[in-house]
Amino acid sequence: MKILALGDVCGECGRRLIKNKLGALRRETGADLVVLNGENANDNGRGLSPESADDFFYAGADVITLGNHALNDRRLFDKLDECRFLLRPLNMPARTPGQGSVTLDVGSKRVCVCNLMGMVDMDYRLSNPFEAADMLLRRESADIYLFDFHAEATSEKKAFGFYLDGRAAAVWGTHTHVATRDLTVLPGGTGYITDLGMTGALRSVLGVKPERSIAMFLGTPYVRYDYSFDDPAIQGALFTLDESGRCVSAETVDFKG
């Protein structure tokens, strides 16, 4: 089984890439399941609209995950409750709209996809993601478990990957928009990467036009985050699993648009 995990979709450039290129990428990789993080897809980079969610599913995404901007677009609230393949972090407060995991059939296997958010430098009231993962693994019966860990700190992400080694088929990080070079298969058979990168304009500052980001760091008030279209690409990772659900290989994805 091949799992294609894609980094945060950023602004209009990212939306166009998914709508126009995901089908070709899925065919090229032979992916059986596609999971993408859509939480920065709006024009301002904050949240996901219901229309964009529909576009991503139509383009070939099987599951969409979110993160700290999951609730920034209130138009998405009803869809979070209605669509089980659209996930917000599992460790958000219990009354948050939607759900944090979904189990679906992929071929002959039951696959559980879980979205969690880190605690370090995240301004949210969250339960412990390590404990939330333990509870999910006890509660949810599946052959394969996959985790999108939306977190800021590389240390927290690395620790989370090792914590789930041998229990999850793959753990990948999202949120920072910068692809890391540590894609690997851990000793227990878990595919791991600290951050997938992003789907959007690579010649940018996390998707934003460089001059806008520089202005903010120079103290310019009320800087508008205009998203770039320069050097578009879909970044992510492709995990190949054996019949037992162990990851046997992992390769980076850098699909130019």
C-alpha atoms as a PDB file:
ATOM      1  CA  MET A   1       0.000   0.000   0.000  1.00  0.00           C
ATOM      2  CA  LYS A   2       1.216   3.489  -0.839  1.00  0.00           C
ATOM      3  CA  ILE A   3       0.296   6.506   1.301  1.00  0.00           C
ATOM      4  CA  LEU A   4       0.764   9.985  -0.165  1.00  0.00           C
ATOM      5  CA  ALA A   5       0.947  12.699   2.512  1.00  0.00           C
ATOM      6  CA  LEU A   6       1.039  16.319   1.337  1.00  0.00           C
ATOM      7  CA  GLY A   7       2.173  19.452   3.159  1.00  0.00           C
ATOM      8  CA  ASP A   8       0.060  22.473   4.086  1.00  0.00           C
ATOM      9  CA  VAL A   9      -1.832  23.944   1.124  1.00  0.00           C
ATOM     10  CA  CYS A  10      -0.999  27.672   1.078  1.00  0.00           C
ATOM     11  CA  GLY A  11      -3.266  30.284  -0.461  1.00  0.00           C
ATOM     12  CA  GLU A  12      -4.475  30.474  -4.037  1.00  0.00           C
ATOM     13  CA  CYS A  13      -1.246  29.042  -5.433  1.00  0.00           C
ATOM     14  CA  GLY A  14      -1.647  25.927  -3.305  1.00  0.00           C
ATOM     15  CA  ARG A  15      -5.317  25.581  -4.165  1.00  0.00           C
ATOM     16  CA  ARG A  16      -4.541  25.745  -7.881  1.00  0.00           C
ATOM     17  CA  LEU A  17      -1.825  23.115  -7.519  1.00  0.00           C
ATOM     18  CA  ILE A  18      -4.180  20.667  -5.834  1.00  0.00           C
ATOM     19  CA  LYS A  19      -7.023  21.270  -8.278  1.00  0.00           C
ATOM     20  CA  ASN A  20      -4.826  21.057 -11.378  1.00  0.00           C
ATOM     21  CA  LYS A  21      -2.003  18.673 -10.436  1.00  0.00           C
ATOM     22  CA  LEU A  22      -3.110  16.257  -7.717  1.00  0.00           C
ATOM     23  CA  GLY A  23      -4.692  13.817 -10.150  1.00  0.00           C
ATOM     24  CA  ALA A  24      -1.465  13.520 -12.134  1.00  0.00           C
ATOM     25  CA  LEU A  25       0.602  13.188  -8.954  1.00  0.00           C
ATOM     26  CA  ARG A  26      -1.649  10.452  -7.629  1.00  0.00           C
ATOM     27  CA  ARG A  27      -1.320   8.503 -10.866  1.00  0.00           C
ATOM     28  CA  GLU A  28       2.448   9.020 -11.015  1.00  0.00           C
ATOM     29  CA  THR A  29       3.007   7.770  -7.466  1.00  0.00           C
ATOM     30  CA  GLY A  30       0.397   5.011  -7.580  1.00  0.00           C
ATOM     31  CA  ALA A  31      -0.952   6.225  -4.238  1.00  0.00           C
ATOM     32  CA  ASP A  32      -3.736   4.177  -2.659  1.00  0.00           C
ATOM     33  CA  LEU A  33      -4.560   6.892  -0.114  1.00  0.00           C
ATOM     34  CA  VAL A  34      -3.973  10.651  -0.262  1.00  0.00           C
ATOM     35  CA  VAL A  35      -3.952  12.792   2.889  1.00  0.00           C
ATOM     36  CA  LEU A  36      -3.346  16.535   2.659  1.00  0.00           C
ATOM     37  CA  ASN A  37      -3.273  19.356   5.175  1.00  0.00           C
ATOM     38  CA  GLY A  38      -5.612  22.154   4.072  1.00  0.00           C
ATOM     39  CA  GLU A  39      -5.549  24.595   6.960  1.00  0.00           C
ATOM     40  CA  ASN A  40      -3.780  27.468   5.153  1.00  0.00           C
ATOM     41  CA  ALA A  41      -5.736  27.266   1.903  1.00  0.00           C
ATOM     42  CA  ASN A  42      -7.721  30.491   2.255  1.00  0.00           C
ATOM     43  CA  ASP A  43      -6.400  33.643   0.579  1.00  0.00           C
ATOM     44  CA  ASN A  44      -5.236  35.010   3.936  1.00  0.00           C
ATOM     45  CA  GLY A  45      -3.663  31.681   4.905  1.00  0.00           C
ATOM     46  CA  ARG A  46      -6.053  31.173   7.785  1.00  0.00           C
ATOM     47  CA  GLY A  47      -8.397  28.248   7.482  1.00  0.00           C
ATOM     48  CA  LEU A  48     -10.191  26.369   4.752  1.00  0.00           C
ATOM     49  CA  SER A  49     -13.464  27.172   3.013  1.00  0.00           C
ATOM     50  CA  PRO A  50     -16.117  24.493   2.402  1.00  0.00           C
ATOM     51  CA  GLU A  51     -15.781  25.116  -1.334  1.00  0.00           C
ATOM     52  CA  SER A  52     -12.036  24.476  -1.272  1.00  0.00           C
ATOM     53  CA  ALA A  53     -12.555  21.319   0.766  1.00  0.00           C
ATOM     54  CA  ASP A  54     -14.939  20.058  -1.915  1.00  0.00           C
ATOM     55  CA  ASP A  55     -12.436  20.984  -4.624  1.00  0.00           C
ATOM     56  CA  PHE A  56      -9.670  19.035  -2.877  1.00  0.00           C
ATOM     57  CA  PHE A  57     -11.795  15.925  -2.487  1.00  0.00           C
ATOM     58  CA  TYR A  58     -12.848  16.145  -6.129  1.00  0.00           C
ATOM     59  CA  ALA A  59      -9.200  16.525  -7.184  1.00  0.00           C
ATOM     60  CA  GLY A  60      -8.240  13.280  -5.455  1.00  0.00           C
ATOM     61  CA  ALA A  61      -7.721  13.847  -1.729  1.00  0.00           C
ATOM     62  CA  ASP A  62      -9.181  11.096   0.453  1.00  0.00           C
ATOM     63  CA  VAL A  63      -8.680  12.823   3.818  1.00  0.00           C
ATOM     64  CA  ILE A  64      -8.075  16.491   4.654  1.00  0.00           C
ATOM     65  CA  THR A  65      -6.389  17.403   7.935  1.00  0.00           C
ATOM     66  CA  LEU A  66      -6.199  20.799   9.635  1.00  0.00           C
ATOM     67  CA  GLY A  67      -4.348  22.429  12.535  1.00  0.00           C
ATOM     68  CA  ASN A  68      -4.230  25.639  14.544  1.00  0.00           C
ATOM     69  CA  HIS A  69      -6.293  27.484  11.892  1.00  0.00           C
ATOM     70  CA  ALA A  70      -8.994  24.809  11.822  1.00  0.00           C
ATOM     71  CA  LEU A  71     -11.618  27.138  13.270  1.00  0.00           C
ATOM     72  CA  ASN A  72     -10.617  30.438  11.643  1.00  0.00           C
ATOM     73  CA  ASP A  73     -13.212  30.111   8.884  1.00  0.00           C
ATOM     74  CA  ARG A  74     -16.589  29.728  10.556  1.00  0.00           C
ATOM     75  CA  ARG A  75     -18.133  28.678   7.250  1.00  0.00           C
ATOM     76  CA  LEU A  76     -16.404  25.324   7.718  1.00  0.00           C
ATOM     77  CA  PHE A  77     -18.081  24.465  11.039  1.00  0.00           C
ATOM     78  CA  ASP A  78     -21.070  22.629   9.566  1.00  0.00           C
ATOM     79  CA  LYS A  79     -18.875  20.717   7.143  1.00  0.00           C
ATOM     80  CA  LEU A  80     -16.603  19.624   9.991  1.00  0.00           C
ATOM     81  CA  ASP A  81     -19.627  18.005  11.615  1.00  0.00           C
ATOM     82  CA  GLU A  82     -21.001  16.550   8.383  1.00  0.00           C
ATOM     83  CA  CYS A  83     -17.903  15.230   6.584  1.00  0.00           C
ATOM     84  CA  ARG A  84     -16.029  12.465   8.379  1.00  0.00           C
ATOM     85  CA  PHE A  85     -13.063  12.729   5.988  1.00  0.00           C
ATOM     86  CA  LEU A  86     -12.377  16.336   7.052  1.00  0.00           C
ATOM     87  CA  LEU A  87     -10.407  16.300  10.306  1.00  0.00           C
ATOM     88  CA  ARG A  88      -9.455  18.857  12.918  1.00  0.00           C
ATOM     89  CA  PRO A  89      -6.911  18.001  15.633  1.00  0.00           C
ATOM     90  CA  LEU A  90      -8.202  15.240  17.887  1.00  0.00           C
ATOM     91  CA  ASN A  91      -6.813  16.864  21.033  1.00  0.00           C
ATOM     92  CA  MET A  92      -8.834  20.068  20.684  1.00  0.00           C
ATOM     93  CA  PRO A  93     -11.555  20.584  23.321  1.00  0.00           C
ATOM     94  CA  ALA A  94     -14.393  18.057  23.167  1.00  0.00           C
ATOM     95  CA  ARG A  95     -16.997  20.622  22.083  1.00  0.00           C
ATOM     96  CA  THR A  96     -15.007  21.647  19.004  1.00  0.00           C
ATOM     97  CA  PRO A  97     -16.934  20.946  15.777  1.00  0.00           C
ATOM     98  CA  GLY A  98     -15.938  17.836  13.873  1.00  0.00           C
ATOM     99  CA  GLN A  99     -13.727  14.884  14.693  1.00  0.00           C
ATOM    100  CA  GLY A 100     -10.014  14.165  14.872  1.00  0.00           C
ATOM    101  CA  SER A 101      -9.799  10.756  13.242  1.00  0.00           C
ATOM    102  CA  VAL A 102     -11.431   8.639  10.579  1.00  0.00           C
ATOM    103  CA  THR A 103     -11.197   4.942   9.760  1.00  0.00           C
ATOM    104  CA  LEU A 104     -11.761   3.891   6.176  1.00  0.00           C
ATOM    105  CA  ASP A 105     -11.299   0.865   3.944  1.00  0.00           C
ATOM    106  CA  VAL A 106      -8.320   0.964   1.594  1.00  0.00           C
ATOM    107  CA  GLY A 107      -8.278  -2.257  -0.365  1.00  0.00           C
ATOM    108  CA  SER A 108      -8.531  -5.065   2.170  1.00  0.00           C
ATOM    109  CA  LYS A 109      -7.177  -2.955   5.062  1.00  0.00           C
ATOM    110  CA  ARG A 110      -8.836  -0.771   7.662  1.00  0.00           C
ATOM    111  CA  VAL A 111      -6.837   2.453   7.843  1.00  0.00           C
ATOM    112  CA  CYS A 112      -7.175   5.002  10.640  1.00  0.00           C
ATOM    113  CA  VAL A 113      -6.001   8.553   9.903  1.00  0.00           C
ATOM    114  CA  CYS A 114      -5.557  10.821  12.926  1.00  0.00           C
ATOM    115  CA  ASN A 115      -4.887  14.560  13.139  1.00  0.00           C
ATOM    116  CA  LEU A 116      -3.178  15.854  16.298  1.00  0.00           C
ATOM    117  CA  MET A 117      -1.659  19.186  17.310  1.00  0.00           C
ATOM    118  CA  GLY A 118       1.461  19.829  19.357  1.00  0.00           C
ATOM    119  CA  MET A 119       1.499  21.754  22.622  1.00  0.00           C
ATOM    120  CA  VAL A 120       4.792  23.661  22.362  1.00  0.00           C
ATOM    121  CA  ASP A 121       4.344  27.305  21.258  1.00  0.00           C
ATOM    122  CA  MET A 122       0.774  26.682  20.136  1.00  0.00           C
ATOM    123  CA  ASP A 123      -1.788  29.114  21.546  1.00  0.00           C
ATOM    124  CA  TYR A 124      -4.543  26.578  22.125  1.00  0.00           C
ATOM    125  CA  ARG A 125      -6.145  24.715  25.003  1.00  0.00           C
ATOM    126  CA  LEU A 126      -5.115  21.206  24.023  1.00  0.00           C
ATOM    127  CA  SER A 127      -4.999  17.851  25.699  1.00  0.00           C
ATOM    128  CA  ASN A 128      -1.701  15.976  25.619  1.00  0.00           C
ATOM    129  CA  PRO A 129      -1.205  14.625  22.059  1.00  0.00           C
ATOM    130  CA  PHE A 130       0.842  11.652  23.278  1.00  0.00           C
ATOM    131  CA  GLU A 131      -1.964  10.571  25.595  1.00  0.00           C
ATOM    132  CA  ALA A 132      -4.570  11.293  22.908  1.00  0.00           C
ATOM    133  CA  ALA A 133      -2.697   8.989  20.520  1.00  0.00           C
ATOM    134  CA  ASP A 134      -2.627   6.250  23.163  1.00  0.00           C
ATOM    135  CA  MET A 135      -6.369   6.567  23.690  1.00  0.00           C
ATOM    136  CA  LEU A 136      -7.021   6.420  19.943  1.00  0.00           C
ATOM    137  CA  LEU A 137      -4.902   3.289  19.512  1.00  0.00           C
ATOM    138  CA  ARG A 138      -6.807   1.585  22.329  1.00  0.00           C
ATOM    139  CA  ARG A 139     -10.219   2.694  21.087  1.00  0.00           C
ATOM    140  CA  GLU A 140     -10.025   2.451  17.306  1.00  0.00           C
ATOM    141  CA  SER A 141      -9.715  -0.969  15.687  1.00  0.00           C
ATOM    142  CA  ALA A 142      -7.691  -0.733  12.467  1.00  0.00           C
ATOM    143  CA  ASP A 143      -4.931  -2.513  10.583  1.00  0.00           C
ATOM    144  CA  ILE A 144      -2.961   0.656   9.854  1.00  0.00           C
ATOM    145  CA  TYR A 145      -2.619   3.924  11.783  1.00  0.00           C
ATOM    146  CA  LEU A 146      -1.437   7.194  10.225  1.00  0.00           C
ATOM    147  CA  PHE A 147      -0.787  10.453  12.094  1.00  0.00           C
ATOM    148  CA  ASP A 148      -0.540  14.064  10.894  1.00  0.00           C
ATOM    149  CA  PHE A 149       1.151  15.829  13.813  1.00  0.00           C
ATOM    150  CA  HIS A 150       0.638  19.575  13.352  1.00  0.00           C
ATOM    151  CA  ALA A 151       3.286  21.108  15.581  1.00  0.00           C
ATOM    152  CA  GLU A 152       5.853  23.890  15.870  1.00  0.00           C
ATOM    153  CA  ALA A 153       8.718  22.308  17.805  1.00  0.00           C
ATOM    154  CA  THR A 154      10.966  19.826  16.027  1.00  0.00           C
ATOM    155  CA  SER A 155      11.781  18.228  19.378  1.00  0.00           C
ATOM    156  CA  GLU A 156       8.118  17.524  20.093  1.00  0.00           C
ATOM    157  CA  LYS A 157       7.639  16.075  16.617  1.00  0.00           C
ATOM    158  CA  LYS A 158      10.709  13.849  16.853  1.00  0.00           C
ATOM    159  CA  ALA A 159       9.684  12.593  20.280  1.00  0.00           C
ATOM    160  CA  PHE A 160       6.177  11.867  19.010  1.00  0.00           C
ATOM    161  CA  GLY A 161       7.541   9.851  16.095  1.00  0.00           C
ATOM    162  CA  PHE A 162       9.705   7.700  18.350  1.00  0.00           C
ATOM    163  CA  TYR A 163       6.819   7.345  20.806  1.00  0.00           C
ATOM    164  CA  LEU A 164       4.639   5.778  18.110  1.00  0.00           C
ATOM    165  CA  ASP A 165       7.387   3.745  16.435  1.00  0.00           C
ATOM    166  CA  GLY A 166       6.100   0.223  15.883  1.00  0.00           C
ATOM    167  CA  ARG A 167       2.510   1.254  16.591  1.00  0.00           C
ATOM    168  CA  ALA A 168       1.841   3.570  13.650  1.00  0.00           C
ATOM    169  CA  ALA A 169       2.605   2.912   9.999  1.00  0.00           C
ATOM    170  CA  ALA A 170       3.575   6.545   9.420  1.00  0.00           C
ATOM    171  CA  VAL A 171       3.892   9.789  11.364  1.00  0.00           C
ATOM    172  CA  TRP A 172       4.465  13.061   9.554  1.00  0.00           C
ATOM    173  CA  GLY A 173       4.743  16.624  10.754  1.00  0.00           C
ATOM    174  CA  THR A 174       3.022  19.671   9.311  1.00  0.00           C
ATOM    175  CA  HIS A 175       2.716  23.381  10.208  1.00  0.00           C
ATOM    176  CA  THR A 176       6.177  24.915   9.593  1.00  0.00           C
ATOM    177  CA  HIS A 177       5.920  24.793   5.763  1.00  0.00           C
ATOM    178  CA  VAL A 178       9.649  23.964   5.514  1.00  0.00           C
ATOM    179  CA  ALA A 179      10.446  20.431   4.374  1.00  0.00           C
ATOM    180  CA  THR A 180      12.948  18.637   6.593  1.00  0.00           C
ATOM    181  CA  ARG A 181      15.635  16.191   5.426  1.00  0.00           C
ATOM    182  CA  ASP A 182      15.013  13.479   8.008  1.00  0.00           C
ATOM    183  CA  LEU A 183      12.544  11.272   6.112  1.00  0.00           C
ATOM    184  CA  THR A 184      13.206   7.758   7.364  1.00  0.00           C
ATOM    185  CA  VAL A 185      11.796   4.436   8.478  1.00  0.00           C
ATOM    186  CA  LEU A 186      12.239   4.113  12.236  1.00  0.00           C
ATOM    187  CA  PRO A 187      13.497   0.831  13.755  1.00  0.00           C
ATOM    188  CA  GLY A 188       9.993  -0.387  14.621  1.00  0.00           C
ATOM    189  CA  GLY A 189       8.710   0.075  11.072  1.00  0.00           C
ATOM    190  CA  THR A 190       7.162   3.540  11.269  1.00  0.00           C
ATOM    191  CA  GLY A 191       7.727   5.963   8.398  1.00  0.00           C
ATOM    192  CA  TYR A 192       8.613   9.389   9.771  1.00  0.00           C
ATOM    193  CA  ILE A 193       9.397  12.969   8.712  1.00  0.00           C
ATOM    194  CA  THR A 194       9.496  16.059  10.927  1.00  0.00           C
ATOM    195  CA  ASP A 195       7.824  18.295   8.333  1.00  0.00           C
ATOM    196  CA  LEU A 196       6.427  17.582   4.872  1.00  0.00           C
ATOM    197  CA  GLY A 197       6.882  21.150   3.644  1.00  0.00           C
ATOM    198  CA  MET A 198       4.051  22.873   1.839  1.00  0.00           C
ATOM    199  CA  THR A 199       1.918  22.987  -1.271  1.00  0.00           C
ATOM    200  CA  GLY A 200       2.363  26.442  -2.725  1.00  0.00           C
ATOM    201  CA  ALA A 201       5.035  28.908  -3.822  1.00  0.00           C
ATOM    202  CA  LEU A 202       8.482  27.793  -2.684  1.00  0.00           C
ATOM    203  CA  ARG A 203      10.157  31.132  -3.465  1.00  0.00           C
ATOM    204  CA  SER A 204       8.431  32.743  -0.526  1.00  0.00           C
ATOM    205  CA  VAL A 205       8.469  32.947   3.250  1.00  0.00           C
ATOM    206  CA  LEU A 206       6.207  30.055   4.225  1.00  0.00           C
ATOM    207  CA  GLY A 207       4.073  30.863   1.169  1.00  0.00           C
ATOM    208  CA  VAL A 208       3.973  34.631   1.713  1.00  0.00           C
ATOM    209  CA  LYS A 209       5.659  37.132  -0.609  1.00  0.00           C
ATOM    210  CA  PRO A 210       9.131  37.773   0.896  1.00  0.00           C
ATOM    211  CA  GLU A 211       8.779  41.568   0.926  1.00  0.00           C
ATOM    212  CA  ARG A 212       5.620  41.282   3.024  1.00  0.00           C
ATOM    213  CA  SER A 213       7.266  39.046   5.590  1.00  0.00           C
ATOM    214  CA  ILE A 214      10.375  41.243   5.720  1.00  0.00           C
ATOM    215  CA  ALA A 215       8.202  44.308   6.339  1.00  0.00           C
ATOM    216  CA  MET A 216       6.648  42.594   9.339  1.00  0.00           C
ATOM    217  CA  PHE A 217      10.052  41.769  10.835  1.00  0.00           C
ATOM    218  CA  LEU A 218      11.127  45.379  10.312  1.00  0.00           C
ATOM    219  CA  GLY A 219       8.185  46.529  12.402  1.00  0.00           C
ATOM    220  CA  THR A 220       5.804  47.782   9.712  1.00  0.00           C
ATOM    221  CA  PRO A 221       2.307  47.850  11.245  1.00  0.00           C
ATOM    222  CA  TYR A 222      -0.683  46.103   9.728  1.00  0.00           C
ATOM    223  CA  VAL A 223       1.191  44.088   7.124  1.00  0.00           C
ATOM    224  CA  ARG A 224      -1.109  42.179   4.812  1.00  0.00           C
ATOM    225  CA  TYR A 225       0.065  38.654   4.072  1.00  0.00           C
ATOM    226  CA  ASP A 226      -0.078  38.392   0.293  1.00  0.00           C
ATOM    227  CA  TYR A 227       0.651  34.872  -0.886  1.00  0.00           C
ATOM    228  CA  SER A 228       3.224  34.254  -3.591  1.00  0.00           C
ATOM    229  CA  PHE A 229       2.898  32.336  -6.869  1.00  0.00           C
ATOM    230  CA  ASP A 230       6.658  32.013  -7.491  1.00  0.00           C
ATOM    231  CA  ASP A 231       8.083  28.489  -7.986  1.00  0.00           C
ATOM    232  CA  PRO A 232       4.906  26.475  -7.269  1.00  0.00           C
ATOM    233  CA  ALA A 233       5.285  22.908  -6.023  1.00  0.00           C
ATOM    234  CA  ILE A 234       3.513  20.154  -4.126  1.00  0.00           C
ATOM    235  CA  GLN A 235       5.712  18.834  -1.315  1.00  0.00           C
ATOM    236  CA  GLY A 236       5.163  15.756   0.785  1.00  0.00           C
ATOM    237  CA  ALA A 237       6.171  12.141   1.279  1.00  0.00           C
ATOM    238  CA  LEU A 238       5.228   8.763  -0.141  1.00  0.00           C
ATOM    239  CA  PHE A 239       5.189   5.874   2.341  1.00  0.00           C
ATOM    240  CA  THR A 240       5.123   2.280   1.083  1.00  0.00           C
ATOM    241  CA  LEU A 241       3.707  -0.308   3.496  1.00  0.00           C
ATOM    242  CA  ASP A 242       3.934  -4.091   3.431  1.00  0.00           C
ATOM    243  CA  GLU A 243       1.052  -6.495   4.069  1.00  0.00           C
ATOM    244  CA  SER A 244       1.598  -6.314   7.825  1.00  0.00           C
ATOM    245  CA  GLY A 245       1.227  -2.523   7.792  1.00  0.00           C
ATOM    246  CA  ARG A 246       4.901  -1.770   8.432  1.00  0.00           C
ATOM    247  CA  CYS A 247       6.537   0.977   6.419  1.00  0.00           C
ATOM    248  CA  VAL A 248       9.243  -0.511   4.190  1.00  0.00           C
ATOM    249  CA  SER A 249      10.275   2.620   2.293  1.00  0.00           C
ATOM    250  CA  ALA A 250       9.707   6.363   2.246  1.00  0.00           C
ATOM    251  CA  GLU A 251      10.538   8.936  -0.386  1.00  0.00           C
ATOM    252  CA  THR A 252      10.148  12.676  -0.636  1.00  0.00           C
ATOM    253  CA  VAL A 253       7.687  14.263  -3.036  1.00  0.00           C
ATOM    254  CA  ASP A 254       8.543  17.533  -4.764  1.00  0.00           C
ATOM    255  CA  PHE A 255       6.143  17.864  -7.684  1.00  0.00           C
ATOM    256  CA  LYS A 256       6.688  21.067  -9.611  1.00  0.00           C
ATOM    257  CA  GLY A 257       3.654  22.951 -10.816  1.00  0.00           C
END
